């Protein structure tokens, strides 16, 4: 019974923190801010992300930013550097490196490959 309650509590917290990330991903977010969104400690925040979705809050943030950037690459004609900064990346080379890690190609390739499918 307490395991179920604990899982439900984790579920509420993770949803709160994920919503916070999705609403604020453009900003420079810290682990503390993400934890504060659910009124928990950073340690509890890390544990909650790990046990619920098997990643860290910062990794989730990065993945969400890249997901948003990928969408904008395909559905807008904005410059890649503008998309990067609109998605919370201040450093273009970090954006490109992170994008390549998660999508297996650089942003310009991604745009070219996926725009043809429109």
PDB file of N, CA and C in Angstrom:
ATOM      1  N   UNK A   1       0.831  -1.203   0.000  1.00  0.00           N
ATOM      2  CA  UNK A   1       0.000   0.000   0.000  1.00  0.00           C
ATOM      3  C   UNK A   1       0.863   1.249   0.000  1.00  0.00           C
ATOM      4  N   UNK A   2       1.873   1.294   0.852  1.00  0.00           N
ATOM      5  CA  UNK A   2       2.733   2.475   0.870  1.00  0.00           C
ATOM      6  C   UNK A   2       3.590   2.555  -0.398  1.00  0.00           C
ATOM      7  N   UNK A   3       3.901   1.415  -1.021  1.00  0.00           N
ATOM      8  CA  UNK A   3       4.640   1.407  -2.283  1.00  0.00           C
ATOM      9  C   UNK A   3       3.801   2.078  -3.364  1.00  0.00           C
ATOM     10  N   UNK A   4       2.518   1.765  -3.391  1.00  0.00           N
ATOM     11  CA  UNK A   4       1.605   2.366  -4.350  1.00  0.00           C
ATOM     12  C   UNK A   4       1.511   3.877  -4.137  1.00  0.00           C
ATOM     13  N   UNK A   5       1.381   4.281  -2.863  1.00  0.00           N
ATOM     14  CA  UNK A   5       1.280   5.706  -2.543  1.00  0.00           C
ATOM     15  C   UNK A   5       2.559   6.441  -2.953  1.00  0.00           C
ATOM     16  N   UNK A   6       3.688   5.803  -2.703  1.00  0.00           N
ATOM     17  CA  UNK A   6       4.984   6.371  -3.058  1.00  0.00           C
ATOM     18  C   UNK A   6       5.099   6.524  -4.578  1.00  0.00           C
ATOM     19  N   UNK A   7       4.657   5.529  -5.326  1.00  0.00           N
ATOM     20  CA  UNK A   7       4.694   5.588  -6.791  1.00  0.00           C
ATOM     21  C   UNK A   7       3.787   6.708  -7.303  1.00  0.00           C
ATOM     22  N   UNK A   8       2.616   6.848  -6.692  1.00  0.00           N
ATOM     23  CA  UNK A   8       1.691   7.912  -7.095  1.00  0.00           C
ATOM     24  C   UNK A   8       2.289   9.285  -6.798  1.00  0.00           C
ATOM     25  N   UNK A   9       2.967   9.393  -5.656  1.00  0.00           N
ATOM     26  CA  UNK A   9       3.608  10.654  -5.292  1.00  0.00           C
ATOM     27  C   UNK A   9       4.711  10.983  -6.308  1.00  0.00           C
ATOM     28  N   UNK A  10       5.518   9.979  -6.639  1.00  0.00           N
ATOM     29  CA  UNK A  10       6.559  10.168  -7.651  1.00  0.00           C
ATOM     30  C   UNK A  10       5.965  10.608  -8.984  1.00  0.00           C
ATOM     31  N   UNK A  11       4.842   9.981  -9.350  1.00  0.00           N
ATOM     32  CA  UNK A  11       4.173  10.296 -10.606  1.00  0.00           C
ATOM     33  C   UNK A  11       3.742  11.770 -10.626  1.00  0.00           C
ATOM     34  N   UNK A  12       3.135  12.230  -9.542  1.00  0.00           N
ATOM     35  CA  UNK A  12       2.725  13.639  -9.450  1.00  0.00           C
ATOM     36  C   UNK A  12       3.930  14.561  -9.549  1.00  0.00           C
ATOM     37  N   UNK A  13       4.977  14.220  -8.825  1.00  0.00           N
ATOM     38  CA  UNK A  13       6.176  15.060  -8.823  1.00  0.00           C
ATOM     39  C   UNK A  13       6.809  15.121 -10.204  1.00  0.00           C
ATOM     40  N   UNK A  14       6.934  13.969 -10.842  1.00  0.00           N
ATOM     41  CA  UNK A  14       7.591  13.923 -12.140  1.00  0.00           C
ATOM     42  C   UNK A  14       6.779  14.708 -13.170  1.00  0.00           C
ATOM     43  N   UNK A  15       5.471  14.594 -13.106  1.00  0.00           N
ATOM     44  CA  UNK A  15       4.623  15.353 -14.034  1.00  0.00           C
ATOM     45  C   UNK A  15       4.767  16.855 -13.798  1.00  0.00           C
ATOM     46  N   UNK A  16       4.823  17.249 -12.537  1.00  0.00           N
ATOM     47  CA  UNK A  16       5.012  18.665 -12.195  1.00  0.00           C
ATOM     48  C   UNK A  16       6.348  19.172 -12.733  1.00  0.00           C
ATOM     49  N   UNK A  17       7.404  18.394 -12.509  1.00  0.00           N
ATOM     50  CA  UNK A  17       8.736  18.822 -12.948  1.00  0.00           C
ATOM     51  C   UNK A  17       8.866  18.805 -14.470  1.00  0.00           C
ATOM     52  N   UNK A  18       8.268  17.813 -15.118  1.00  0.00           N
ATOM     53  CA  UNK A  18       8.308  17.759 -16.581  1.00  0.00           C
ATOM     54  C   UNK A  18       7.543  18.933 -17.184  1.00  0.00           C
ATOM     55  N   UNK A  19       6.410  19.257 -16.602  1.00  0.00           N
ATOM     56  CA  UNK A  19       5.642  20.420 -17.073  1.00  0.00           C
ATOM     57  C   UNK A  19       6.448  21.693 -16.905  1.00  0.00           C
ATOM     58  N   UNK A  20       7.110  21.823 -15.757  1.00  0.00           N
ATOM     59  CA  UNK A  20       7.952  22.987 -15.499  1.00  0.00           C
ATOM     60  C   UNK A  20       9.043  23.100 -16.576  1.00  0.00           C
ATOM     61  N   UNK A  21       9.688  21.993 -16.888  1.00  0.00           N
ATOM     62  CA  UNK A  21      10.734  21.984 -17.915  1.00  0.00           C
ATOM     63  C   UNK A  21      10.150  22.378 -19.270  1.00  0.00           C
ATOM     64  N   UNK A  22       9.011  21.805 -19.613  1.00  0.00           N
ATOM     65  CA  UNK A  22       8.391  22.083 -20.914  1.00  0.00           C
ATOM     66  C   UNK A  22       7.947  23.541 -21.042  1.00  0.00           C
ATOM     67  N   UNK A  23       7.549  24.137 -19.935  1.00  0.00           N
ATOM     68  CA  UNK A  23       7.128  25.541 -19.970  1.00  0.00           C
ATOM     69  C   UNK A  23       8.313  26.507 -19.944  1.00  0.00           C
ATOM     70  N   UNK A  24       9.460  26.066 -19.437  1.00  0.00           N
ATOM     71  CA  UNK A  24      10.602  26.969 -19.233  1.00  0.00           C
ATOM     72  C   UNK A  24      11.891  26.546 -19.927  1.00  0.00           C
ATOM     73  N   UNK A  25      11.800  25.613 -20.881  1.00  0.00           N
ATOM     74  CA  UNK A  25      13.014  25.051 -21.487  1.00  0.00           C
ATOM     75  C   UNK A  25      13.889  26.078 -22.199  1.00  0.00           C
ATOM     76  N   UNK A  26      13.308  27.206 -22.574  1.00  0.00           N
ATOM     77  CA  UNK A  26      14.067  28.261 -23.252  1.00  0.00           C
ATOM     78  C   UNK A  26      15.045  28.938 -22.277  1.00  0.00           C
ATOM     79  N   UNK A  27      14.656  28.964 -20.988  1.00  0.00           N
ATOM     80  CA  UNK A  27      15.483  29.604 -19.960  1.00  0.00           C
ATOM     81  C   UNK A  27      16.669  28.724 -19.584  1.00  0.00           C
ATOM     82  N   UNK A  28      17.624  29.349 -18.902  1.00  0.00           N
ATOM     83  CA  UNK A  28      18.748  28.588 -18.346  1.00  0.00           C
ATOM     84  C   UNK A  28      18.235  27.962 -17.048  1.00  0.00           C
ATOM     85  N   UNK A  29      17.940  26.679 -17.079  1.00  0.00           N
ATOM     86  CA  UNK A  29      17.358  26.009 -15.909  1.00  0.00           C
ATOM     87  C   UNK A  29      18.424  25.256 -15.123  1.00  0.00           C
ATOM     88  N   UNK A  30      18.248  25.267 -13.809  1.00  0.00           N
ATOM     89  CA  UNK A  30      19.153  24.519 -12.935  1.00  0.00           C
ATOM     90  C   UNK A  30      18.386  23.370 -12.288  1.00  0.00           C
ATOM     91  N   UNK A  31      19.124  22.424 -11.778  1.00  0.00           N
ATOM     92  CA  UNK A  31      18.532  21.304 -11.042  1.00  0.00           C
ATOM     93  C   UNK A  31      17.711  21.829  -9.870  1.00  0.00           C
ATOM     94  N   UNK A  32      18.223  22.868  -9.206  1.00  0.00           N
ATOM     95  CA  UNK A  32      17.521  23.461  -8.055  1.00  0.00           C
ATOM     96  C   UNK A  32      16.146  23.991  -8.463  1.00  0.00           C
ATOM     97  N   UNK A  33      16.089  24.679  -9.606  1.00  0.00           N
ATOM     98  CA  UNK A  33      14.809  25.241 -10.060  1.00  0.00           C
ATOM     99  C   UNK A  33      13.812  24.132 -10.388  1.00  0.00           C
ATOM    100  N   UNK A  34      14.309  23.071 -11.004  1.00  0.00           N
ATOM    101  CA  UNK A  34      13.438  21.947 -11.361  1.00  0.00           C
ATOM    102  C   UNK A  34      12.900  21.285 -10.085  1.00  0.00           C
ATOM    103  N   UNK A  35      13.771  21.074  -9.106  1.00  0.00           N
ATOM    104  CA  UNK A  35      13.357  20.486  -7.828  1.00  0.00           C
ATOM    105  C   UNK A  35      12.366  21.400  -7.104  1.00  0.00           C
ATOM    106  N   UNK A  36      12.655  22.707  -7.110  1.00  0.00           N
ATOM    107  CA  UNK A  36      11.762  23.682  -6.463  1.00  0.00           C
ATOM    108  C   UNK A  36      10.357  23.654  -7.048  1.00  0.00           C
ATOM    109  N   UNK A  37      10.249  23.372  -8.337  1.00  0.00           N
ATOM    110  CA  UNK A  37       8.930  23.332  -8.988  1.00  0.00           C
ATOM    111  C   UNK A  37       8.019  22.307  -8.315  1.00  0.00           C
ATOM    112  N   UNK A  38       8.620  21.247  -7.783  1.00  0.00           N
ATOM    113  CA  UNK A  38       7.839  20.202  -7.103  1.00  0.00           C
ATOM    114  C   UNK A  38       8.009  20.274  -5.582  1.00  0.00           C
ATOM    115  N   UNK A  39       8.660  21.340  -5.116  1.00  0.00           N
ATOM    116  CA  UNK A  39       8.900  21.534  -3.680  1.00  0.00           C
ATOM    117  C   UNK A  39       9.625  20.359  -3.032  1.00  0.00           C
ATOM    118  N   UNK A  40      10.678  19.888  -3.704  1.00  0.00           N
ATOM    119  CA  UNK A  40      11.481  18.789  -3.158  1.00  0.00           C
ATOM    120  C   UNK A  40      12.964  19.150  -3.251  1.00  0.00           C
ATOM    121  N   UNK A  41      13.797  18.357  -2.584  1.00  0.00           N
ATOM    122  CA  UNK A  41      15.243  18.594  -2.621  1.00  0.00           C
ATOM    123  C   UNK A  41      15.807  18.148  -3.974  1.00  0.00           C
ATOM    124  N   UNK A  42      17.000  18.621  -4.292  1.00  0.00           N
ATOM    125  CA  UNK A  42      17.637  18.218  -5.546  1.00  0.00           C
ATOM    126  C   UNK A  42      17.893  16.706  -5.544  1.00  0.00           C
ATOM    127  N   UNK A  43      18.280  16.182  -4.406  1.00  0.00           N
ATOM    128  CA  UNK A  43      18.539  14.743  -4.290  1.00  0.00           C
ATOM    129  C   UNK A  43      17.268  13.933  -4.568  1.00  0.00           C
ATOM    130  N   UNK A  44      16.159  14.380  -4.016  1.00  0.00           N
ATOM    131  CA  UNK A  44      14.872  13.712  -4.239  1.00  0.00           C
ATOM    132  C   UNK A  44      14.446  13.854  -5.708  1.00  0.00           C
ATOM    133  N   UNK A  45      14.728  15.000  -6.286  1.00  0.00           N
ATOM    134  CA  UNK A  45      14.434  15.263  -7.697  1.00  0.00           C
ATOM    135  C   UNK A  45      15.183  14.262  -8.582  1.00  0.00           C
ATOM    136  N   UNK A  46      16.474  14.103  -8.322  1.00  0.00           N
ATOM    137  CA  UNK A  46      17.292  13.150  -9.091  1.00  0.00           C
ATOM    138  C   UNK A  46      16.769  11.723  -8.932  1.00  0.00           C
ATOM    139  N   UNK A  47      16.434  11.352  -7.692  1.00  0.00           N
ATOM    140  CA  UNK A  47      15.921  10.010  -7.418  1.00  0.00           C
ATOM    141  C   UNK A  47      14.596   9.773  -8.146  1.00  0.00           C
ATOM    142  N   UNK A  48      13.761  10.775  -8.094  1.00  0.00           N
ATOM    143  CA  UNK A  48      12.438  10.699  -8.715  1.00  0.00           C
ATOM    144  C   UNK A  48      12.551  10.510 -10.242  1.00  0.00           C
ATOM    145  N   UNK A  49      13.403  11.289 -10.883  1.00  0.00           N
ATOM    146  CA  UNK A  49      13.613  11.147 -12.326  1.00  0.00           C
ATOM    147  C   UNK A  49      14.186   9.773 -12.643  1.00  0.00           C
ATOM    148  N   UNK A  50      15.155   9.358 -11.833  1.00  0.00           N
ATOM    149  CA  UNK A  50      15.815   8.078 -12.085  1.00  0.00           C
ATOM    150  C   UNK A  50      14.837   6.910 -11.956  1.00  0.00           C
ATOM    151  N   UNK A  51      14.065   6.887 -10.873  1.00  0.00           N
ATOM    152  CA  UNK A  51      13.160   5.753 -10.661  1.00  0.00           C
ATOM    153  C   UNK A  51      11.943   5.790 -11.585  1.00  0.00           C
ATOM    154  N   UNK A  52      11.513   6.970 -12.000  1.00  0.00           N
ATOM    155  CA  UNK A  52      10.291   7.068 -12.801  1.00  0.00           C
ATOM    156  C   UNK A  52      10.556   6.980 -14.301  1.00  0.00           C
ATOM    157  N   UNK A  53      11.529   7.742 -14.816  1.00  0.00           N
ATOM    158  CA  UNK A  53      11.775   7.709 -16.269  1.00  0.00           C
ATOM    159  C   UNK A  53      13.218   7.378 -16.636  1.00  0.00           C
ATOM    160  N   UNK A  54      13.977   6.928 -15.650  1.00  0.00           N
ATOM    161  CA  UNK A  54      15.329   6.421 -15.873  1.00  0.00           C
ATOM    162  C   UNK A  54      16.264   7.395 -16.606  1.00  0.00           C
ATOM    163  N   UNK A  55      16.203   8.653 -16.223  1.00  0.00           N
ATOM    164  CA  UNK A  55      17.128   9.648 -16.755  1.00  0.00           C
ATOM    165  C   UNK A  55      17.312  10.726 -15.701  1.00  0.00           C
ATOM    166  N   UNK A  56      18.137  11.713 -15.981  1.00  0.00           N
ATOM    167  CA  UNK A  56      18.300  12.829 -15.046  1.00  0.00           C
ATOM    168  C   UNK A  56      17.439  13.994 -15.522  1.00  0.00           C
ATOM    169  N   UNK A  57      17.129  14.928 -14.627  1.00  0.00           N
ATOM    170  CA  UNK A  57      16.348  16.097 -15.038  1.00  0.00           C
ATOM    171  C   UNK A  57      17.049  16.895 -16.146  1.00  0.00           C
ATOM    172  N   UNK A  58      18.365  17.028 -16.047  1.00  0.00           N
ATOM    173  CA  UNK A  58      19.105  17.814 -17.039  1.00  0.00           C
ATOM    174  C   UNK A  58      19.132  17.088 -18.389  1.00  0.00           C
ATOM    175  N   UNK A  59      19.253  15.772 -18.352  1.00  0.00           N
ATOM    176  CA  UNK A  59      19.199  14.977 -19.590  1.00  0.00           C
ATOM    177  C   UNK A  59      17.813  15.098 -20.233  1.00  0.00           C
ATOM    178  N   UNK A  60      16.777  15.053 -19.410  1.00  0.00           N
ATOM    179  CA  UNK A  60      15.413  15.222 -19.925  1.00  0.00           C
ATOM    180  C   UNK A  60      15.261  16.596 -20.572  1.00  0.00           C
ATOM    181  N   UNK A  61      15.788  17.620 -19.901  1.00  0.00           N
ATOM    182  CA  UNK A  61      15.748  18.987 -20.426  1.00  0.00           C
ATOM    183  C   UNK A  61      16.438  19.052 -21.788  1.00  0.00           C
ATOM    184  N   UNK A  62      17.622  18.472 -21.887  1.00  0.00           N
ATOM    185  CA  UNK A  62      18.368  18.463 -23.157  1.00  0.00           C
ATOM    186  C   UNK A  62      17.576  17.762 -24.253  1.00  0.00           C
ATOM    187  N   UNK A  63      17.016  16.612 -23.916  1.00  0.00           N
ATOM    188  CA  UNK A  63      16.233  15.854 -24.894  1.00  0.00           C
ATOM    189  C   UNK A  63      15.015  16.650 -25.354  1.00  0.00           C
ATOM    190  N   UNK A  64      14.363  17.323 -24.414  1.00  0.00           N
ATOM    191  CA  UNK A  64      13.182  18.120 -24.757  1.00  0.00           C
ATOM    192  C   UNK A  64      13.573  19.288 -25.670  1.00  0.00           C
ATOM    193  N   UNK A  65      14.672  19.955 -25.347  1.00  0.00           N
ATOM    194  CA  UNK A  65      15.155  21.061 -26.183  1.00  0.00           C
ATOM    195  C   UNK A  65      15.453  20.592 -27.603  1.00  0.00           C
ATOM    196  N   UNK A  66      16.117  19.452 -27.723  1.00  0.00           N
ATOM    197  CA  UNK A  66      16.458  18.913 -29.046  1.00  0.00           C
ATOM    198  C   UNK A  66      15.193  18.516 -29.810  1.00  0.00           C
ATOM    199  N   UNK A  67      14.238  17.961 -29.105  1.00  0.00           N
ATOM    200  CA  UNK A  67      12.954  17.599 -29.721  1.00  0.00           C
ATOM    201  C   UNK A  67      12.277  18.861 -30.294  1.00  0.00           C
ATOM    202  N   UNK A  68      12.271  19.943 -29.525  1.00  0.00           N
ATOM    203  CA  UNK A  68      11.681  21.199 -29.979  1.00  0.00           C
ATOM    204  C   UNK A  68      12.455  21.763 -31.167  1.00  0.00           C
ATOM    205  N   UNK A  69      13.777  21.697 -31.091  1.00  0.00           N
ATOM    206  CA  UNK A  69      14.622  22.200 -32.182  1.00  0.00           C
ATOM    207  C   UNK A  69      14.379  21.398 -33.460  1.00  0.00           C
ATOM    208  N   UNK A  70      14.288  20.085 -33.331  1.00  0.00           N
ATOM    209  CA  UNK A  70      14.051  19.216 -34.490  1.00  0.00           C
ATOM    210  C   UNK A  70      12.734  19.593 -35.176  1.00  0.00           C
ATOM    211  N   UNK A  71      11.710  19.833 -34.367  1.00  0.00           N
ATOM    212  CA  UNK A  71      10.405  20.236 -34.904  1.00  0.00           C
ATOM    213  C   UNK A  71      10.526  21.556 -35.670  1.00  0.00           C
ATOM    214  N   UNK A  72      11.229  22.522 -35.073  1.00  0.00           N
ATOM    215  CA  UNK A  72      11.384  23.832 -35.719  1.00  0.00           C
ATOM    216  C   UNK A  72      12.236  23.750 -36.982  1.00  0.00           C
ATOM    217  N   UNK A  73      13.215  22.864 -36.998  1.00  0.00           N
ATOM    218  CA  UNK A  73      14.058  22.693 -38.191  1.00  0.00           C
ATOM    219  C   UNK A  73      13.210  22.261 -39.386  1.00  0.00           C
ATOM    220  N   UNK A  74      12.243  21.404 -39.122  1.00  0.00           N
ATOM    221  CA  UNK A  74      11.404  20.870 -40.195  1.00  0.00           C
ATOM    222  C   UNK A  74      10.271  21.834 -40.561  1.00  0.00           C
ATOM    223  N   UNK A  75       9.676  22.472 -39.559  1.00  0.00           N
ATOM    224  CA  UNK A  75       8.464  23.255 -39.813  1.00  0.00           C
ATOM    225  C   UNK A  75       8.664  24.769 -39.853  1.00  0.00           C
ATOM    226  N   UNK A  76       9.916  25.229 -39.834  1.00  0.00           N
ATOM    227  CA  UNK A  76      10.149  26.664 -39.981  1.00  0.00           C
ATOM    228  C   UNK A  76      11.358  26.868 -40.885  1.00  0.00           C
ATOM    229  N   UNK A  77      11.502  28.082 -41.369  1.00  0.00           N
ATOM    230  CA  UNK A  77      12.673  28.414 -42.192  1.00  0.00           C
ATOM    231  C   UNK A  77      13.668  29.254 -41.404  1.00  0.00           C
ATOM    232  N   UNK A  78      13.522  29.276 -40.090  1.00  0.00           N
ATOM    233  CA  UNK A  78      14.426  30.059 -39.243  1.00  0.00           C
ATOM    234  C   UNK A  78      15.854  29.553 -39.388  1.00  0.00           C
ATOM    235  N   UNK A  79      16.798  30.449 -39.189  1.00  0.00           N
ATOM    236  CA  UNK A  79      18.200  30.062 -39.214  1.00  0.00           C
ATOM    237  C   UNK A  79      18.452  29.078 -38.067  1.00  0.00           C
ATOM    238  N   UNK A  80      19.364  28.155 -38.302  1.00  0.00           N
ATOM    239  CA  UNK A  80      19.667  27.134 -37.296  1.00  0.00           C
ATOM    240  C   UNK A  80      20.146  27.768 -35.994  1.00  0.00           C
ATOM    241  N   UNK A  81      20.951  28.823 -36.093  1.00  0.00           N
ATOM    242  CA  UNK A  81      21.440  29.491 -34.876  1.00  0.00           C
ATOM    243  C   UNK A  81      20.289  30.129 -34.094  1.00  0.00           C
ATOM    244  N   UNK A  82      19.270  30.642 -34.801  1.00  0.00           N
ATOM    245  CA  UNK A  82      18.098  31.215 -34.127  1.00  0.00           C
ATOM    246  C   UNK A  82      17.288  30.118 -33.425  1.00  0.00           C
ATOM    247  N   UNK A  83      17.137  28.998 -34.099  1.00  0.00           N
ATOM    248  CA  UNK A  83      16.408  27.877 -33.503  1.00  0.00           C
ATOM    249  C   UNK A  83      17.139  27.403 -32.244  1.00  0.00           C
ATOM    250  N   UNK A  84      18.467  27.295 -32.332  1.00  0.00           N
ATOM    251  CA  UNK A  84      19.267  26.858 -31.185  1.00  0.00           C
ATOM    252  C   UNK A  84      19.008  27.768 -29.989  1.00  0.00           C
ATOM    253  N   UNK A  85      19.102  29.073 -30.177  1.00  0.00           N
ATOM    254  CA  UNK A  85      18.916  29.983 -29.036  1.00  0.00           C
ATOM    255  C   UNK A  85      17.464  30.010 -28.565  1.00  0.00           C
ATOM    256  N   UNK A  86      16.507  29.838 -29.478  1.00  0.00           N
ATOM    257  CA  UNK A  86      15.094  29.774 -29.080  1.00  0.00           C
ATOM    258  C   UNK A  86      14.793  28.524 -28.265  1.00  0.00           C
ATOM    259  N   UNK A  87      15.646  27.518 -28.390  1.00  0.00           N
ATOM    260  CA  UNK A  87      15.446  26.257 -27.655  1.00  0.00           C
ATOM    261  C   UNK A  87      16.352  26.152 -26.443  1.00  0.00           C
ATOM    262  N   UNK A  88      16.969  27.274 -26.056  1.00  0.00           N
ATOM    263  CA  UNK A  88      17.728  27.298 -24.801  1.00  0.00           C
ATOM    264  C   UNK A  88      19.211  26.982 -24.931  1.00  0.00           C
ATOM    265  N   UNK A  89      19.725  26.907 -26.153  1.00  0.00           N
ATOM    266  CA  UNK A  89      21.158  26.660 -26.344  1.00  0.00           C
ATOM    267  C   UNK A  89      21.866  27.969 -26.648  1.00  0.00           C
ATOM    268  N   UNK A  90      22.776  28.369 -25.782  1.00  0.00           N
ATOM    269  CA  UNK A  90      23.518  29.615 -25.986  1.00  0.00           C
ATOM    270  C   UNK A  90      24.722  29.401 -26.894  1.00  0.00           C
ATOM    271  N   UNK A  91      25.250  28.181 -26.875  1.00  0.00           N
ATOM    272  CA  UNK A  91      26.478  27.850 -27.585  1.00  0.00           C
ATOM    273  C   UNK A  91      26.150  26.968 -28.789  1.00  0.00           C
ATOM    274  N   UNK A  92      26.448  27.477 -29.982  1.00  0.00           N
ATOM    275  CA  UNK A  92      26.108  26.773 -31.222  1.00  0.00           C
ATOM    276  C   UNK A  92      26.816  25.415 -31.338  1.00  0.00           C
ATOM    277  N   UNK A  93      28.081  25.344 -30.936  1.00  0.00           N
ATOM    278  CA  UNK A  93      28.790  24.065 -31.076  1.00  0.00           C
ATOM    279  C   UNK A  93      28.244  23.028 -30.098  1.00  0.00           C
ATOM    280  N   UNK A  94      27.835  23.464 -28.919  1.00  0.00           N
ATOM    281  CA  UNK A  94      27.214  22.551 -27.947  1.00  0.00           C
ATOM    282  C   UNK A  94      25.864  22.060 -28.488  1.00  0.00           C
ATOM    283  N   UNK A  95      25.117  22.958 -29.097  1.00  0.00           N
ATOM    284  CA  UNK A  95      23.833  22.593 -29.700  1.00  0.00           C
ATOM    285  C   UNK A  95      24.054  21.517 -30.777  1.00  0.00           C
ATOM    286  N   UNK A  96      24.989  21.756 -31.671  1.00  0.00           N
ATOM    287  CA  UNK A  96      25.263  20.823 -32.767  1.00  0.00           C
ATOM    288  C   UNK A  96      25.709  19.461 -32.234  1.00  0.00           C
ATOM    289  N   UNK A  97      26.608  19.488 -31.247  1.00  0.00           N
ATOM    290  CA  UNK A  97      27.116  18.252 -30.644  1.00  0.00           C
ATOM    291  C   UNK A  97      25.983  17.468 -29.970  1.00  0.00           C
ATOM    292  N   UNK A  98      25.154  18.162 -29.199  1.00  0.00           N
ATOM    293  CA  UNK A  98      24.036  17.520 -28.500  1.00  0.00           C
ATOM    294  C   UNK A  98      23.018  16.982 -29.499  1.00  0.00           C
ATOM    295  N   UNK A  99      22.736  17.775 -30.524  1.00  0.00           N
ATOM    296  CA  UNK A  99      21.787  17.368 -31.557  1.00  0.00           C
ATOM    297  C   UNK A  99      22.273  16.084 -32.225  1.00  0.00           C
ATOM    298  N   UNK A 100      23.537  16.065 -32.581  1.00  0.00           N
ATOM    299  CA  UNK A 100      24.123  14.883 -33.252  1.00  0.00           C
ATOM    300  C   UNK A 100      24.081  13.652 -32.346  1.00  0.00           C
ATOM    301  N   UNK A 101      24.346  13.837 -31.045  1.00  0.00           N
ATOM    302  CA  UNK A 101      24.278  12.714 -30.099  1.00  0.00           C
ATOM    303  C   UNK A 101      22.882  12.097 -30.065  1.00  0.00           C
ATOM    304  N   UNK A 102      21.867  12.949 -30.076  1.00  0.00           N
ATOM    305  CA  UNK A 102      20.499  12.462 -29.904  1.00  0.00           C
ATOM    306  C   UNK A 102      19.798  12.096 -31.212  1.00  0.00           C
ATOM    307  N   UNK A 103      20.209  12.712 -32.325  1.00  0.00           N
ATOM    308  CA  UNK A 103      19.519  12.483 -33.606  1.00  0.00           C
ATOM    309  C   UNK A 103      20.390  11.813 -34.671  1.00  0.00           C
ATOM    310  N   UNK A 104      21.648  11.553 -34.311  1.00  0.00           N
ATOM    311  CA  UNK A 104      22.582  10.886 -35.232  1.00  0.00           C
ATOM    312  C   UNK A 104      22.883  11.648 -36.521  1.00  0.00           C
ATOM    313  N   UNK A 105      22.631  12.942 -36.515  1.00  0.00           N
ATOM    314  CA  UNK A 105      23.042  13.786 -37.631  1.00  0.00           C
ATOM    315  C   UNK A 105      23.063  15.233 -37.136  1.00  0.00           C
ATOM    316  N   UNK A 106      23.713  16.103 -37.868  1.00  0.00           N
ATOM    317  CA  UNK A 106      23.763  17.510 -37.453  1.00  0.00           C
ATOM    318  C   UNK A 106      22.468  18.202 -37.871  1.00  0.00           C
ATOM    319  N   UNK A 107      22.152  19.361 -37.266  1.00  0.00           N
ATOM    320  CA  UNK A 107      20.881  20.039 -37.559  1.00  0.00           C
ATOM    321  C   UNK A 107      20.615  20.303 -39.043  1.00  0.00           C
ATOM    322  N   UNK A 108      21.632  20.731 -39.783  1.00  0.00           N
ATOM    323  CA  UNK A 108      21.407  21.021 -41.208  1.00  0.00           C
ATOM    324  C   UNK A 108      21.032  19.756 -41.988  1.00  0.00           C
ATOM    325  N   UNK A 109      21.691  18.639 -41.671  1.00  0.00           N
ATOM    326  CA  UNK A 109      21.348  17.359 -42.310  1.00  0.00           C
ATOM    327  C   UNK A 109      19.919  16.966 -41.954  1.00  0.00           C
ATOM    328  N   UNK A 110      19.571  17.130 -40.675  1.00  0.00           N
ATOM    329  CA  UNK A 110      18.237  16.771 -40.199  1.00  0.00           C
ATOM    330  C   UNK A 110      17.177  17.557 -40.964  1.00  0.00           C
ATOM    331  N   UNK A 111      17.427  18.846 -41.133  1.00  0.00           N
ATOM    332  CA  UNK A 111      16.476  19.702 -41.860  1.00  0.00           C
ATOM    333  C   UNK A 111      16.342  19.218 -43.294  1.00  0.00           C
ATOM    334  N   UNK A 112      17.444  18.964 -43.962  1.00  0.00           N
ATOM    335  CA  UNK A 112      17.432  18.525 -45.354  1.00  0.00           C
ATOM    336  C   UNK A 112      16.704  17.184 -45.496  1.00  0.00           C
ATOM    337  N   UNK A 113      17.043  16.226 -44.659  1.00  0.00           N
ATOM    338  CA  UNK A 113      16.447  14.898 -44.730  1.00  0.00           C
ATOM    339  C   UNK A 113      14.939  14.908 -44.468  1.00  0.00           C
ATOM    340  N   UNK A 114      14.525  15.717 -43.482  1.00  0.00           N
ATOM    341  CA  UNK A 114      13.123  15.682 -43.068  1.00  0.00           C
ATOM    342  C   UNK A 114      12.224  16.658 -43.809  1.00  0.00           C
ATOM    343  N   UNK A 115      12.793  17.683 -44.399  1.00  0.00           N
ATOM    344  CA  UNK A 115      11.971  18.643 -45.140  1.00  0.00           C
ATOM    345  C   UNK A 115      11.490  18.061 -46.450  1.00  0.00           C
ATOM    346  N   UNK A 116      12.247  17.121 -46.983  1.00  0.00           N
ATOM    347  CA  UNK A 116      11.853  16.486 -48.251  1.00  0.00           C
ATOM    348  C   UNK A 116      10.624  15.604 -48.075  1.00  0.00           C
ATOM    349  N   UNK A 117      10.362  15.240 -46.836  1.00  0.00           N
ATOM    350  CA  UNK A 117       9.241  14.343 -46.582  1.00  0.00           C
ATOM    351  C   UNK A 117       7.930  15.112 -46.378  1.00  0.00           C
ATOM    352  N   UNK A 118       7.974  16.404 -46.522  1.00  0.00           N
ATOM    353  CA  UNK A 118       6.769  17.226 -46.329  1.00  0.00           C
ATOM    354  C   UNK A 118       5.809  17.064 -47.491  1.00  0.00           C
TER     355      UNK A 118
END
